Full PDB file with SEQRES, HELIX, SHEET, SSBOND, CRYST1, ORIGX, SCALE, CONECT and MASTER records, all heavy atoms in Angstrom:
SEQRES   1 A   39  GLY SER ILE ALA ASP ASN PRO GLY ILE TYR ILE ASP GLN          
SEQRES   2 A   39  SER GLY SER ASN ASN GLY LEU ASN SER SER THR ALA GLN          
SEQRES   3 A   39  ILE PHE GLY ASN TYR ASN GLN ILE LYS VAL LEU GLN THR          
SHEET    1 AA1 2 ILE A   9  GLN A  13  0                                        
SHEET    2 AA1 2 ILE A  34  GLN A  38  1                                        
CRYST1    1.000    1.000    1.000  90.00  90.00  90.00 P 1           1          
ORIGX1      1.000000  0.000000  0.000000        0.00000                         
ORIGX2      0.000000  1.000000  0.000000        0.00000                         
ORIGX3      0.000000  0.000000  1.000000        0.00000                         
SCALE1      1.000000  0.000000  0.000000        0.00000                         
SCALE2      0.000000  1.000000  0.000000        0.00000                         
SCALE3      0.000000  0.000000  1.000000        0.00000                         
ATOM      1  N   GLY A   1      55.202 -25.263  20.162  1.00  0.00           N  
ATOM      2  CA  GLY A   1      54.424 -25.945  19.144  1.00  0.00           C  
ATOM      3  C   GLY A   1      54.919 -27.417  19.013  1.00  0.00           C  
ATOM      4  O   GLY A   1      55.025 -27.943  17.884  1.00  0.00           O  
ATOM      5  N   SER A   2      55.143 -28.060  20.100  1.00  0.00           N  
ATOM      6  CA  SER A   2      55.768 -29.501  20.034  1.00  0.00           C  
ATOM      7  C   SER A   2      54.657 -30.504  19.852  1.00  0.00           C  
ATOM      8  O   SER A   2      54.978 -31.685  19.764  1.00  0.00           O  
ATOM      9  CB  SER A   2      56.579 -29.781  21.252  1.00  0.00           C  
ATOM     10  OG  SER A   2      55.809 -29.600  22.455  1.00  0.00           O  
ATOM     11  N   ILE A   3      53.327 -30.103  19.814  1.00  0.00           N  
ATOM     12  CA  ILE A   3      52.267 -31.098  19.508  1.00  0.00           C  
ATOM     13  C   ILE A   3      52.185 -31.133  18.010  1.00  0.00           C  
ATOM     14  O   ILE A   3      52.192 -30.172  17.317  1.00  0.00           O  
ATOM     15  CB  ILE A   3      50.987 -30.624  20.201  1.00  0.00           C  
ATOM     16  CG1 ILE A   3      51.161 -30.709  21.687  1.00  0.00           C  
ATOM     17  CG2 ILE A   3      49.781 -31.438  19.686  1.00  0.00           C  
ATOM     18  CD1 ILE A   3      49.898 -30.222  22.472  1.00  0.00           C  
ATOM     19  N   ALA A   4      51.909 -32.300  17.509  1.00  0.00           N  
ATOM     20  CA  ALA A   4      51.784 -32.634  16.108  1.00  0.00           C  
ATOM     21  C   ALA A   4      50.780 -31.625  15.419  1.00  0.00           C  
ATOM     22  O   ALA A   4      49.682 -31.370  15.989  1.00  0.00           O  
ATOM     23  CB  ALA A   4      51.348 -34.065  15.753  1.00  0.00           C  
ATOM     24  N   ASP A   5      51.110 -31.119  14.238  1.00  0.00           N  
ATOM     25  CA  ASP A   5      50.292 -30.256  13.398  1.00  0.00           C  
ATOM     26  C   ASP A   5      50.034 -28.906  14.139  1.00  0.00           C  
ATOM     27  O   ASP A   5      49.138 -28.147  13.694  1.00  0.00           O  
ATOM     28  CB  ASP A   5      48.924 -30.898  13.103  1.00  0.00           C  
ATOM     29  CG  ASP A   5      49.101 -32.167  12.272  1.00  0.00           C  
ATOM     30  OD1 ASP A   5      50.044 -32.193  11.447  1.00  0.00           O  
ATOM     31  OD2 ASP A   5      48.419 -33.140  12.603  1.00  0.00           O  
ATOM     32  N   ASN A   6      50.740 -28.588  15.192  1.00  0.00           N  
ATOM     33  CA  ASN A   6      50.589 -27.259  15.849  1.00  0.00           C  
ATOM     34  C   ASN A   6      52.038 -26.661  16.027  1.00  0.00           C  
ATOM     35  O   ASN A   6      52.530 -26.696  17.071  1.00  0.00           O  
ATOM     36  CB  ASN A   6      49.864 -27.371  17.166  1.00  0.00           C  
ATOM     37  CG  ASN A   6      48.428 -27.779  16.980  1.00  0.00           C  
ATOM     38  OD1 ASN A   6      47.610 -27.007  16.504  1.00  0.00           O  
ATOM     39  ND2 ASN A   6      48.185 -29.012  17.372  1.00  0.00           N  
ATOM     40  N   PRO A   7      52.578 -26.189  14.940  1.00  0.00           N  
ATOM     41  CA  PRO A   7      53.966 -25.711  14.956  1.00  0.00           C  
ATOM     42  C   PRO A   7      54.146 -24.480  15.863  1.00  0.00           C  
ATOM     43  O   PRO A   7      53.276 -23.653  15.989  1.00  0.00           O  
ATOM     44  CB  PRO A   7      54.305 -25.442  13.523  1.00  0.00           C  
ATOM     45  CG  PRO A   7      52.971 -25.184  12.873  1.00  0.00           C  
ATOM     46  CD  PRO A   7      51.985 -26.042  13.528  1.00  0.00           C  
ATOM     47  N   GLY A   8      55.338 -24.295  16.324  1.00  0.00           N  
ATOM     48  CA  GLY A   8      55.676 -23.075  17.057  1.00  0.00           C  
ATOM     49  C   GLY A   8      55.706 -21.904  16.106  1.00  0.00           C  
ATOM     50  O   GLY A   8      55.212 -20.780  16.491  1.00  0.00           O  
ATOM     51  N   ILE A   9      56.149 -22.064  14.913  1.00  0.00           N  
ATOM     52  CA  ILE A   9      56.021 -21.059  13.860  1.00  0.00           C  
ATOM     53  C   ILE A   9      55.307 -21.671  12.682  1.00  0.00           C  
ATOM     54  O   ILE A   9      55.718 -22.690  12.171  1.00  0.00           O  
ATOM     55  CB  ILE A   9      57.431 -20.547  13.380  1.00  0.00           C  
ATOM     56  CG1 ILE A   9      58.155 -19.855  14.565  1.00  0.00           C  
ATOM     57  CG2 ILE A   9      57.297 -19.581  12.221  1.00  0.00           C  
ATOM     58  CD1 ILE A   9      59.587 -19.402  14.258  1.00  0.00           C  
ATOM     59  N   TYR A  10      54.250 -20.991  12.239  1.00  0.00           N  
ATOM     60  CA  TYR A  10      53.538 -21.453  11.014  1.00  0.00           C  
ATOM     61  C   TYR A  10      53.413 -20.242  10.100  1.00  0.00           C  
ATOM     62  O   TYR A  10      52.806 -19.242  10.526  1.00  0.00           O  
ATOM     63  CB  TYR A  10      52.194 -21.973  11.464  1.00  0.00           C  
ATOM     64  CG  TYR A  10      51.365 -22.474  10.216  1.00  0.00           C  
ATOM     65  CD1 TYR A  10      51.910 -22.811   9.019  1.00  0.00           C  
ATOM     66  CD2 TYR A  10      50.001 -22.621  10.348  1.00  0.00           C  
ATOM     67  CE1 TYR A  10      51.158 -23.283   7.962  1.00  0.00           C  
ATOM     68  CE2 TYR A  10      49.184 -23.065   9.230  1.00  0.00           C  
ATOM     69  CZ  TYR A  10      49.812 -23.353   8.110  1.00  0.00           C  
ATOM     70  OH  TYR A  10      49.047 -23.837   7.028  1.00  0.00           O  
ATOM     71  N   ILE A  11      53.928 -20.336   8.902  1.00  0.00           N  
ATOM     72  CA  ILE A  11      53.842 -19.241   7.935  1.00  0.00           C  
ATOM     73  C   ILE A  11      53.206 -19.824   6.694  1.00  0.00           C  
ATOM     74  O   ILE A  11      53.609 -20.803   6.131  1.00  0.00           O  
ATOM     75  CB  ILE A  11      55.309 -18.736   7.586  1.00  0.00           C  
ATOM     76  CG1 ILE A  11      55.880 -18.098   8.896  1.00  0.00           C  
ATOM     77  CG2 ILE A  11      55.247 -17.781   6.420  1.00  0.00           C  
ATOM     78  CD1 ILE A  11      57.324 -17.622   8.697  1.00  0.00           C  
ATOM     79  N   ASP A  12      52.147 -19.037   6.168  1.00  0.00           N  
ATOM     80  CA  ASP A  12      51.381 -19.421   5.018  1.00  0.00           C  
ATOM     81  C   ASP A  12      51.366 -18.310   4.035  1.00  0.00           C  
ATOM     82  O   ASP A  12      50.828 -17.229   4.341  1.00  0.00           O  
ATOM     83  CB  ASP A  12      49.958 -19.732   5.493  1.00  0.00           C  
ATOM     84  CG  ASP A  12      49.062 -20.392   4.392  1.00  0.00           C  
ATOM     85  OD1 ASP A  12      49.502 -20.301   3.253  1.00  0.00           O  
ATOM     86  OD2 ASP A  12      47.924 -20.728   4.740  1.00  0.00           O  
ATOM     87  N   GLN A  13      51.963 -18.535   2.890  1.00  0.00           N  
ATOM     88  CA  GLN A  13      52.008 -17.439   1.811  1.00  0.00           C  
ATOM     89  C   GLN A  13      51.410 -17.999   0.589  1.00  0.00           C  
ATOM     90  O   GLN A  13      51.738 -19.180   0.171  1.00  0.00           O  
ATOM     91  CB  GLN A  13      53.453 -17.062   1.597  1.00  0.00           C  
ATOM     92  CG  GLN A  13      54.123 -16.224   2.687  1.00  0.00           C  
ATOM     93  CD  GLN A  13      55.579 -15.855   2.332  1.00  0.00           C  
ATOM     94  OE1 GLN A  13      56.259 -16.587   1.703  1.00  0.00           O  
ATOM     95  NE2 GLN A  13      56.013 -14.695   2.735  1.00  0.00           N  
ATOM     96  N   SER A  14      50.576 -17.226  -0.101  1.00  0.00           N  
ATOM     97  CA  SER A  14      50.076 -17.625  -1.332  1.00  0.00           C  
ATOM     98  C   SER A  14      50.242 -16.417  -2.343  1.00  0.00           C  
ATOM     99  O   SER A  14      50.005 -15.301  -1.982  1.00  0.00           O  
ATOM    100  CB  SER A  14      48.601 -18.063  -1.374  1.00  0.00           C  
ATOM    101  OG  SER A  14      47.757 -17.027  -0.834  1.00  0.00           O  
ATOM    102  N   GLY A  15      50.606 -16.720  -3.602  1.00  0.00           N  
ATOM    103  CA  GLY A  15      50.928 -15.669  -4.572  1.00  0.00           C  
ATOM    104  C   GLY A  15      52.297 -15.902  -5.159  1.00  0.00           C  
ATOM    105  O   GLY A  15      52.852 -17.039  -5.092  1.00  0.00           O  
ATOM    106  N   SER A  16      52.880 -14.951  -5.771  1.00  0.00           N  
ATOM    107  CA  SER A  16      54.144 -15.066  -6.484  1.00  0.00           C  
ATOM    108  C   SER A  16      55.201 -14.128  -5.925  1.00  0.00           C  
ATOM    109  O   SER A  16      54.883 -13.032  -5.407  1.00  0.00           O  
ATOM    110  CB  SER A  16      53.889 -14.797  -7.995  1.00  0.00           C  
ATOM    111  OG  SER A  16      52.945 -15.708  -8.451  1.00  0.00           O  
ATOM    112  N   ASN A  17      56.429 -14.470  -6.114  1.00  0.00           N  
ATOM    113  CA  ASN A  17      57.592 -13.698  -5.803  1.00  0.00           C  
ATOM    114  C   ASN A  17      57.588 -13.343  -4.252  1.00  0.00           C  
ATOM    115  O   ASN A  17      58.045 -12.349  -3.856  1.00  0.00           O  
ATOM    116  CB  ASN A  17      57.633 -12.393  -6.610  1.00  0.00           C  
ATOM    117  CG  ASN A  17      57.775 -12.779  -8.007  1.00  0.00           C  
ATOM    118  OD1 ASN A  17      58.680 -13.521  -8.478  1.00  0.00           O  
ATOM    119  ND2 ASN A  17      56.928 -12.124  -8.877  1.00  0.00           N  
ATOM    120  N   ASN A  18      56.932 -14.225  -3.470  1.00  0.00           N  
ATOM    121  CA  ASN A  18      56.998 -14.049  -2.044  1.00  0.00           C  
ATOM    122  C   ASN A  18      58.273 -14.591  -1.414  1.00  0.00           C  
ATOM    123  O   ASN A  18      58.871 -15.487  -1.996  1.00  0.00           O  
ATOM    124  CB  ASN A  18      55.772 -14.660  -1.369  1.00  0.00           C  
ATOM    125  CG  ASN A  18      54.485 -13.980  -1.778  1.00  0.00           C  
ATOM    126  OD1 ASN A  18      54.301 -12.762  -1.714  1.00  0.00           O  
ATOM    127  ND2 ASN A  18      53.528 -14.807  -2.257  1.00  0.00           N  
ATOM    128  N   GLY A  19      58.623 -14.059  -0.332  1.00  0.00           N  
ATOM    129  CA  GLY A  19      59.945 -14.439   0.314  1.00  0.00           C  
ATOM    130  C   GLY A  19      61.099 -13.693  -0.166  1.00  0.00           C  
ATOM    131  O   GLY A  19      62.050 -13.450   0.573  1.00  0.00           O  
ATOM    132  N   LEU A  20      61.099 -13.283  -1.410  1.00  0.00           N  
ATOM    133  CA  LEU A  20      62.168 -12.570  -2.051  1.00  0.00           C  
ATOM    134  C   LEU A  20      63.437 -13.299  -1.727  1.00  0.00           C  
ATOM    135  O   LEU A  20      63.569 -14.578  -1.840  1.00  0.00           O  
ATOM    136  CB  LEU A  20      62.241 -11.154  -1.589  1.00  0.00           C  
ATOM    137  CG  LEU A  20      60.946 -10.324  -1.956  1.00  0.00           C  
ATOM    138  CD1 LEU A  20      61.023  -8.931  -1.486  1.00  0.00           C  
ATOM    139  CD2 LEU A  20      60.606 -10.380  -3.480  1.00  0.00           C  
ATOM    140  N   ASN A  21      64.480 -12.653  -1.261  1.00  0.00           N  
ATOM    141  CA  ASN A  21      65.755 -13.327  -0.971  1.00  0.00           C  
ATOM    142  C   ASN A  21      66.111 -13.433   0.454  1.00  0.00           C  
ATOM    143  O   ASN A  21      67.197 -13.783   0.834  1.00  0.00           O  
ATOM    144  CB  ASN A  21      66.918 -12.539  -1.667  1.00  0.00           C  
ATOM    145  CG  ASN A  21      66.782 -12.579  -3.261  1.00  0.00           C  
ATOM    146  OD1 ASN A  21      66.405 -13.612  -3.775  1.00  0.00           O  
ATOM    147  ND2 ASN A  21      66.998 -11.481  -3.869  1.00  0.00           N  
ATOM    148  N   SER A  22      65.140 -13.096   1.309  1.00  0.00           N  
ATOM    149  CA  SER A  22      65.559 -12.911   2.737  1.00  0.00           C  
ATOM    150  C   SER A  22      64.593 -13.498   3.734  1.00  0.00           C  
ATOM    151  O   SER A  22      64.753 -13.191   4.951  1.00  0.00           O  
ATOM    152  CB  SER A  22      65.744 -11.391   3.078  1.00  0.00           C  
ATOM    153  OG  SER A  22      64.548 -10.681   2.808  1.00  0.00           O  
ATOM    154  N   SER A  23      63.619 -14.274   3.375  1.00  0.00           N  
ATOM    155  CA  SER A  23      62.638 -14.732   4.326  1.00  0.00           C  
ATOM    156  C   SER A  23      63.164 -15.950   5.113  1.00  0.00           C  
ATOM    157  O   SER A  23      63.608 -16.958   4.548  1.00  0.00           O  
ATOM    158  CB  SER A  23      61.348 -15.170   3.565  1.00  0.00           C  
ATOM    159  OG  SER A  23      60.669 -13.960   3.162  1.00  0.00           O  
ATOM    160  N   THR A  24      63.076 -15.789   6.400  1.00  0.00           N  
ATOM    161  CA  THR A  24      63.604 -16.802   7.299  1.00  0.00           C  
ATOM    162  C   THR A  24      62.665 -17.108   8.495  1.00  0.00           C  
ATOM    163  O   THR A  24      62.131 -16.221   9.060  1.00  0.00           O  
ATOM    164  CB  THR A  24      64.986 -16.358   7.886  1.00  0.00           C  
ATOM    165  OG1 THR A  24      65.866 -16.046   6.874  1.00  0.00           O  
ATOM    166  CG2 THR A  24      65.554 -17.377   8.870  1.00  0.00           C  
ATOM    167  N   ALA A  25      62.586 -18.433   8.807  1.00  0.00           N  
ATOM    168  CA  ALA A  25      61.833 -18.848  10.024  1.00  0.00           C  
ATOM    169  C   ALA A  25      62.880 -19.671  10.819  1.00  0.00           C  
ATOM    170  O   ALA A  25      63.531 -20.564  10.256  1.00  0.00           O  
ATOM    171  CB  ALA A  25      60.663 -19.638   9.695  1.00  0.00           C  
ATOM    172  N   GLN A  26      63.081 -19.287  12.098  1.00  0.00           N  
ATOM    173  CA  GLN A  26      64.067 -19.939  12.849  1.00  0.00           C  
ATOM    174  C   GLN A  26      63.664 -20.100  14.318  1.00  0.00           C  
ATOM    175  O   GLN A  26      62.975 -19.356  14.903  1.00  0.00           O  
ATOM    176  CB  GLN A  26      65.387 -19.198  12.792  1.00  0.00           C  
ATOM    177  CG  GLN A  26      65.334 -17.746  13.405  1.00  0.00           C  
ATOM    178  CD  GLN A  26      66.533 -16.923  13.109  1.00  0.00           C  
ATOM    179  OE1 GLN A  26      67.320 -17.211  12.216  1.00  0.00           O  
ATOM    180  NE2 GLN A  26      66.737 -15.878  13.929  1.00  0.00           N  
ATOM    181  N   ILE A  27      63.993 -21.282  14.932  1.00  0.00           N  
ATOM    182  CA  ILE A  27      63.801 -21.573  16.326  1.00  0.00           C  
ATOM    183  C   ILE A  27      65.080 -22.126  16.906  1.00  0.00           C  
ATOM    184  O   ILE A  27      65.755 -22.971  16.355  1.00  0.00           O  
ATOM    185  CB  ILE A  27      62.653 -22.595  16.556  1.00  0.00           C  
ATOM    186  CG1 ILE A  27      61.310 -21.958  16.050  1.00  0.00           C  
ATOM    187  CG2 ILE A  27      62.502 -22.921  18.055  1.00  0.00           C  
ATOM    188  CD1 ILE A  27      60.153 -22.954  16.338  1.00  0.00           C  
ATOM    189  N   PHE A  28      65.481 -21.573  18.088  1.00  0.00           N  
ATOM    190  CA  PHE A  28      66.672 -22.026  18.772  1.00  0.00           C  
ATOM    191  C   PHE A  28      66.176 -22.642  20.122  1.00  0.00           C  
ATOM    192  O   PHE A  28      65.617 -21.993  20.937  1.00  0.00           O  
ATOM    193  CB  PHE A  28      67.635 -20.901  19.068  1.00  0.00           C  
ATOM    194  CG  PHE A  28      67.997 -20.158  17.779  1.00  0.00           C  
ATOM    195  CD1 PHE A  28      67.752 -18.761  17.652  1.00  0.00           C  
ATOM    196  CD2 PHE A  28      68.597 -20.832  16.726  1.00  0.00           C  
ATOM    197  CE1 PHE A  28      68.099 -18.105  16.561  1.00  0.00           C  
ATOM    198  CE2 PHE A  28      68.910 -20.118  15.544  1.00  0.00           C  
ATOM    199  CZ  PHE A  28      68.684 -18.816  15.413  1.00  0.00           C  
ATOM    200  N   GLY A  29      66.460 -23.922  20.310  1.00  0.00           N  
ATOM    201  CA  GLY A  29      66.026 -24.647  21.485  1.00  0.00           C  
ATOM    202  C   GLY A  29      65.678 -26.033  21.095  1.00  0.00           C  
ATOM    203  O   GLY A  29      65.951 -26.548  20.064  1.00  0.00           O  
ATOM    204  N   ASN A  30      64.914 -26.741  21.967  1.00  0.00           N  
ATOM    205  CA  ASN A  30      64.562 -28.144  21.838  1.00  0.00           C  
ATOM    206  C   ASN A  30      63.073 -28.271  21.742  1.00  0.00           C  
ATOM    207  O   ASN A  30      62.246 -27.503  22.256  1.00  0.00           O  
ATOM    208  CB  ASN A  30      65.107 -28.922  23.052  1.00  0.00           C  
ATOM    209  CG  ASN A  30      66.611 -28.745  23.245  1.00  0.00           C  
ATOM    210  OD1 ASN A  30      67.307 -28.807  22.275  1.00  0.00           O  
ATOM    211  ND2 ASN A  30      67.043 -28.624  24.524  1.00  0.00           N  
ATOM    212  N   TYR A  31      62.661 -29.393  21.092  1.00  0.00           N  
ATOM    213  CA  TYR A  31      61.272 -29.735  21.045  1.00  0.00           C  
ATOM    214  C   TYR A  31      60.348 -28.627  20.405  1.00  0.00           C  
ATOM    215  O   TYR A  31      59.301 -28.331  20.861  1.00  0.00           O  
ATOM    216  CB  TYR A  31      60.722 -30.132  22.413  1.00  0.00           C  
ATOM    217  CG  TYR A  31      61.448 -31.125  23.183  1.00  0.00           C  
ATOM    218  CD1 TYR A  31      62.264 -30.714  24.261  1.00  0.00           C  
ATOM    219  CD2 TYR A  31      61.590 -32.502  22.814  1.00  0.00           C  
ATOM    220  CE1 TYR A  31      63.077 -31.558  24.923  1.00  0.00           C  
ATOM    221  CE2 TYR A  31      62.339 -33.349  23.497  1.00  0.00           C  
ATOM    222  CZ  TYR A  31      63.086 -32.915  24.616  1.00  0.00           C  
ATOM    223  OH  TYR A  31      63.901 -33.810  25.279  1.00  0.00           O  
ATOM    224  N   ASN A  32      60.900 -28.119  19.298  1.00  0.00           N  
ATOM    225  CA  ASN A  32      60.095 -27.035  18.514  1.00  0.00           C  
ATOM    226  C   ASN A  32      59.770 -27.505  17.160  1.00  0.00           C  
ATOM    227  O   ASN A  32      60.343 -28.453  16.643  1.00  0.00           O  
ATOM    228  CB  ASN A  32      61.051 -25.823  18.428  1.00  0.00           C  
ATOM    229  CG  ASN A  32      61.443 -25.257  19.752  1.00  0.00           C  
ATOM    230  OD1 ASN A  32      60.601 -24.975  20.677  1.00  0.00           O  
ATOM    231  ND2 ASN A  32      62.793 -25.143  19.985  1.00  0.00           N  
ATOM    232  N   GLN A  33      58.754 -26.830  16.609  1.00  0.00           N  
ATOM    233  CA  GLN A  33      58.316 -27.132  15.236  1.00  0.00           C  
ATOM    234  C   GLN A  33      58.187 -25.901  14.427  1.00  0.00           C  
ATOM    235  O   GLN A  33      57.775 -24.825  14.898  1.00  0.00           O  
ATOM    236  CB  GLN A  33      56.988 -27.838  15.281  1.00  0.00           C  
ATOM    237  CG  GLN A  33      56.954 -29.207  15.860  1.00  0.00           C  
ATOM    238  CD  GLN A  33      55.655 -29.977  15.602  1.00  0.00           C  
ATOM    239  OE1 GLN A  33      54.916 -29.637  14.622  1.00  0.00           O  
ATOM    240  NE2 GLN A  33      55.336 -30.906  16.446  1.00  0.00           N  
ATOM    241  N   ILE A  34      58.546 -25.946  13.133  1.00  0.00           N  
ATOM    242  CA  ILE A  34      58.366 -24.890  12.141  1.00  0.00           C  
ATOM    243  C   ILE A  34      57.586 -25.461  11.001  1.00  0.00           C  
ATOM    244  O   ILE A  34      58.008 -26.538  10.531  1.00  0.00           O  
ATOM    245  CB  ILE A  34      59.702 -24.311  11.664  1.00  0.00           C  
ATOM    246  CG1 ILE A  34      60.374 -23.615  12.845  1.00  0.00           C  
ATOM    247  CG2 ILE A  34      59.391 -23.321  10.532  1.00  0.00           C  
ATOM    248  CD1 ILE A  34      61.772 -23.031  12.416  1.00  0.00           C  
ATOM    249  N   LYS A  35      56.646 -24.797  10.497  1.00  0.00           N  
ATOM    250  CA  LYS A  35      55.883 -25.220   9.317  1.00  0.00           C  
ATOM    251  C   LYS A  35      55.755 -24.016   8.344  1.00  0.00           C  
ATOM    252  O   LYS A  35      55.288 -22.926   8.835  1.00  0.00           O  
ATOM    253  CB  LYS A  35      54.519 -25.760   9.598  1.00  0.00           C  
ATOM    254  CG  LYS A  35      53.754 -26.176   8.340  1.00  0.00           C  
ATOM    255  CD  LYS A  35      52.380 -26.740   8.763  1.00  0.00           C  
ATOM    256  CE  LYS A  35      51.578 -27.223   7.551  1.00  0.00           C  
ATOM    257  NZ  LYS A  35      50.247 -27.781   7.905  1.00  0.00           N  
ATOM    258  N   VAL A  36      56.207 -24.134   7.100  1.00  0.00           N  
ATOM    259  CA  VAL A  36      56.055 -23.087   6.105  1.00  0.00           C  
ATOM    260  C   VAL A  36      55.271 -23.658   4.926  1.00  0.00           C  
ATOM    261  O   VAL A  36      55.735 -24.709   4.420  1.00  0.00           O  
ATOM    262  CB  VAL A  36      57.473 -22.601   5.665  1.00  0.00           C  
ATOM    263  CG1 VAL A  36      57.256 -21.610   4.510  1.00  0.00           C  
ATOM    264  CG2 VAL A  36      58.175 -21.974   6.872  1.00  0.00           C  
ATOM    265  N   LEU A  37      54.258 -22.990   4.403  1.00  0.00           N  
ATOM    266  CA  LEU A  37      53.530 -23.362   3.196  1.00  0.00           C  
ATOM    267  C   LEU A  37      53.524 -22.233   2.320  1.00  0.00           C  
ATOM    268  O   LEU A  37      53.078 -21.151   2.639  1.00  0.00           O  
ATOM    269  CB  LEU A  37      52.100 -23.841   3.645  1.00  0.00           C  
ATOM    270  CG  LEU A  37      51.162 -24.057   2.468  1.00  0.00           C  
ATOM    271  CD1 LEU A  37      51.582 -25.244   1.631  1.00  0.00           C  
ATOM    272  CD2 LEU A  37      49.744 -24.318   2.980  1.00  0.00           C  
ATOM    273  N   GLN A  38      54.001 -22.478   1.059  1.00  0.00           N  
ATOM    274  CA  GLN A  38      54.037 -21.460   0.040  1.00  0.00           C  
ATOM    275  C   GLN A  38      53.313 -22.008  -1.164  1.00  0.00           C  
ATOM    276  O   GLN A  38      53.638 -23.082  -1.626  1.00  0.00           O  
ATOM    277  CB  GLN A  38      55.369 -21.005  -0.337  1.00  0.00           C  
ATOM    278  CG  GLN A  38      56.106 -20.207   0.753  1.00  0.00           C  
ATOM    279  CD  GLN A  38      57.555 -19.795   0.217  1.00  0.00           C  
ATOM    280  OE1 GLN A  38      58.264 -20.478  -0.228  1.00  0.00           O  
ATOM    281  NE2 GLN A  38      57.765 -18.395   0.413  1.00  0.00           N  
ATOM    282  N   THR A  39      52.305 -21.274  -1.703  1.00  0.00           N  
ATOM    283  CA  THR A  39      51.513 -21.675  -2.848  1.00  0.00           C  
ATOM    284  C   THR A  39      51.704 -20.616  -3.934  1.00  0.00           C  
ATOM    285  O   THR A  39      51.339 -19.457  -3.730  1.00  0.00           O  
ATOM    286  CB  THR A  39      50.058 -21.893  -2.547  1.00  0.00           C  
ATOM    287  OG1 THR A  39      49.958 -22.858  -1.447  1.00  0.00           O  
ATOM    288  CG2 THR A  39      49.274 -22.453  -3.729  1.00  0.00           C  
TER     289      THR A  39                                                      
MASTER        0    0    0    0    2    0    0    6  288    1    0    3          
END                                                                             
């Protein structure tokens, strides 16, 4: 996902109490993108 606006990981959550205490997005390497949106 190294092109703009096209992440390698994209997570979209809407609502309440999401993620709790353990939600993780991770990438190991070069030229990567992560996008997380919580509403």
